[in-house]
Amino acid sequence: MPAYITVNFTPTNKEQLLLYSASVPEILKKYSGEYLEKGNSLCLHGESPFQMQVILAFPSKEHALNWYNSEEYQALLPLRDQGMQSQFLLLS
């Protein structure tokens, strides 16, 4: 069953975010993940402090968790956290 990770974020440091963003696709591919959509988000109901959203797709919940918890991805967390305020959600 497919699984999705949604990332709600607001950029805080463009340079760090660009470095992070350039490194993610190769790791995603290794875990059979892919970008479905990325762009500005518009909150239609409630409140959200985030400006943008990314939707990632994986073949299964296991693939998604293996990607997120992988050594390769975890090594990018300092870049991610310096480059943006974010929230990651798993839908499965």
C-alpha atoms as a PDB file:
ATOM      1  CA  MET A   1       0.000   0.000   0.000  1.00  0.00           C
ATOM      2  CA  PRO A   2       1.469   3.403  -0.949  1.00  0.00           C
ATOM      3  CA  ALA A   3       2.598   5.829   1.730  1.00  0.00           C
ATOM      4  CA  TYR A   4       3.114   9.571   1.556  1.00  0.00           C
ATOM      5  CA  ILE A   5       5.184  12.031   3.510  1.00  0.00           C
ATOM      6  CA  THR A   6       3.981  15.599   3.497  1.00  0.00           C
ATOM      7  CA  VAL A   7       6.440  18.284   4.464  1.00  0.00           C
ATOM      8  CA  ASN A   8       5.109  21.645   5.546  1.00  0.00           C
ATOM      9  CA  PHE A   9       7.872  24.229   5.710  1.00  0.00           C
ATOM     10  CA  THR A  10       8.966  27.828   5.709  1.00  0.00           C
ATOM     11  CA  PRO A  11      12.446  28.632   4.356  1.00  0.00           C
ATOM     12  CA  THR A  12      14.741  30.364   6.866  1.00  0.00           C
ATOM     13  CA  ASN A  13      18.159  30.160   5.154  1.00  0.00           C
ATOM     14  CA  LYS A  14      18.206  29.912   1.352  1.00  0.00           C
ATOM     15  CA  GLU A  15      21.816  28.651   1.066  1.00  0.00           C
ATOM     16  CA  GLN A  16      21.328  25.831   3.570  1.00  0.00           C
ATOM     17  CA  LEU A  17      17.982  24.904   2.035  1.00  0.00           C
ATOM     18  CA  LEU A  18      19.531  24.685  -1.441  1.00  0.00           C
ATOM     19  CA  LEU A  19      22.283  22.376  -0.144  1.00  0.00           C
ATOM     20  CA  TYR A  20      19.698  20.193   1.597  1.00  0.00           C
ATOM     21  CA  SER A  21      17.379  20.126  -1.425  1.00  0.00           C
ATOM     22  CA  ALA A  22      20.201  19.125  -3.767  1.00  0.00           C
ATOM     23  CA  SER A  23      21.061  16.111  -1.602  1.00  0.00           C
ATOM     24  CA  VAL A  24      17.585  14.666  -1.021  1.00  0.00           C
ATOM     25  CA  PRO A  25      16.672  13.279  -4.510  1.00  0.00           C
ATOM     26  CA  GLU A  26      19.500  10.719  -4.606  1.00  0.00           C
ATOM     27  CA  ILE A  27      18.524   9.356  -1.193  1.00  0.00           C
ATOM     28  CA  LEU A  28      14.825   9.348  -2.122  1.00  0.00           C
ATOM     29  CA  LYS A  29      15.585   7.283  -5.212  1.00  0.00           C
ATOM     30  CA  LYS A  30      17.491   4.706  -3.141  1.00  0.00           C
ATOM     31  CA  TYR A  31      14.321   4.122  -1.070  1.00  0.00           C
ATOM     32  CA  SER A  32      11.968   4.160  -4.092  1.00  0.00           C
ATOM     33  CA  GLY A  33      10.616   7.563  -3.141  1.00  0.00           C
ATOM     34  CA  GLU A  34       9.607  10.348  -5.481  1.00  0.00           C
ATOM     35  CA  TYR A  35       8.440  13.952  -5.378  1.00  0.00           C
ATOM     36  CA  LEU A  36       4.767  14.303  -6.290  1.00  0.00           C
ATOM     37  CA  GLU A  37       4.447  18.028  -5.732  1.00  0.00           C
ATOM     38  CA  LYS A  38       6.313  20.998  -4.287  1.00  0.00           C
ATOM     39  CA  GLY A  39       5.189  24.583  -4.032  1.00  0.00           C
ATOM     40  CA  ASN A  40       3.565  27.383  -2.110  1.00  0.00           C
ATOM     41  CA  SER A  41       0.654  26.269   0.037  1.00  0.00           C
ATOM     42  CA  LEU A  42      -2.562  28.113   0.729  1.00  0.00           C
ATOM     43  CA  CYS A  43      -4.301  27.275   3.999  1.00  0.00           C
ATOM     44  CA  LEU A  44      -8.018  26.994   3.279  1.00  0.00           C
ATOM     45  CA  HIS A  45      -9.133  26.294   6.849  1.00  0.00           C
ATOM     46  CA  GLY A  46      -7.523  26.717  10.258  1.00  0.00           C
ATOM     47  CA  GLU A  47      -4.065  28.088  10.809  1.00  0.00           C
ATOM     48  CA  SER A  48      -0.710  26.997   9.459  1.00  0.00           C
ATOM     49  CA  PRO A  49       2.584  28.757  10.116  1.00  0.00           C
ATOM     50  CA  PHE A  50       4.127  27.219   6.987  1.00  0.00           C
ATOM     51  CA  GLN A  51       4.475  28.805   3.538  1.00  0.00           C
ATOM     52  CA  MET A  52       5.282  25.770   1.386  1.00  0.00           C
ATOM     53  CA  GLN A  53       4.575  22.064   1.077  1.00  0.00           C
ATOM     54  CA  VAL A  54       6.182  19.000  -0.474  1.00  0.00           C
ATOM     55  CA  ILE A  55       4.461  15.672  -1.061  1.00  0.00           C
ATOM     56  CA  LEU A  56       6.656  12.568  -1.316  1.00  0.00           C
ATOM     57  CA  ALA A  57       5.385   9.138  -2.414  1.00  0.00           C
ATOM     58  CA  PHE A  58       6.747   5.717  -1.445  1.00  0.00           C
ATOM     59  CA  PRO A  59       5.632   2.176  -2.318  1.00  0.00           C
ATOM     60  CA  SER A  60       4.961   1.419   1.371  1.00  0.00           C
ATOM     61  CA  LYS A  61       5.102   2.759   4.910  1.00  0.00           C
ATOM     62  CA  GLU A  62       8.247   0.680   5.413  1.00  0.00           C
ATOM     63  CA  HIS A  63       9.979   2.399   2.482  1.00  0.00           C
ATOM     64  CA  ALA A  64       9.007   5.834   3.824  1.00  0.00           C
ATOM     65  CA  LEU A  65      10.249   5.090   7.336  1.00  0.00           C
ATOM     66  CA  ASN A  66      13.439   3.486   6.035  1.00  0.00           C
ATOM     67  CA  TRP A  67      14.147   6.631   4.004  1.00  0.00           C
ATOM     68  CA  TYR A  68      13.447   9.026   6.869  1.00  0.00           C
ATOM     69  CA  ASN A  69      15.453   6.987   9.396  1.00  0.00           C
ATOM     70  CA  SER A  70      18.337   6.164   7.039  1.00  0.00           C
ATOM     71  CA  GLU A  71      21.847   7.254   7.967  1.00  0.00           C
ATOM     72  CA  GLU A  72      22.064   9.162   4.683  1.00  0.00           C
ATOM     73  CA  TYR A  73      18.952  11.224   5.355  1.00  0.00           C
ATOM     74  CA  GLN A  74      19.631  11.705   9.057  1.00  0.00           C
ATOM     75  CA  ALA A  75      23.035  13.166   8.124  1.00  0.00           C
ATOM     76  CA  LEU A  76      21.144  15.967   6.299  1.00  0.00           C
ATOM     77  CA  LEU A  77      19.130  17.048   9.344  1.00  0.00           C
ATOM     78  CA  PRO A  78      21.510  19.855  10.369  1.00  0.00           C
ATOM     79  CA  LEU A  79      21.205  21.370   6.862  1.00  0.00           C
ATOM     80  CA  ARG A  80      17.442  20.884   6.886  1.00  0.00           C
ATOM     81  CA  ASP A  81      16.992  22.447  10.301  1.00  0.00           C
ATOM     82  CA  GLN A  82      19.217  25.410   9.424  1.00  0.00           C
ATOM     83  CA  GLY A  83      17.423  25.907   6.107  1.00  0.00           C
ATOM     84  CA  MET A  84      13.806  25.714   7.167  1.00  0.00           C
ATOM     85  CA  GLN A  85      11.236  25.382   9.892  1.00  0.00           C
ATOM     86  CA  SER A  86       9.349  22.226   9.051  1.00  0.00           C
ATOM     87  CA  GLN A  87       6.846  19.567   9.939  1.00  0.00           C
ATOM     88  CA  PHE A  88       6.979  16.056   8.444  1.00  0.00           C
ATOM     89  CA  LEU A  89       3.838  13.915   8.430  1.00  0.00           C
ATOM     90  CA  LEU A  90       3.481  10.279   7.336  1.00  0.00           C
ATOM     91  CA  LEU A  91       0.244   9.179   5.663  1.00  0.00           C
ATOM     92  CA  SER A  92      -0.150   5.440   5.220  1.00  0.00           C
END
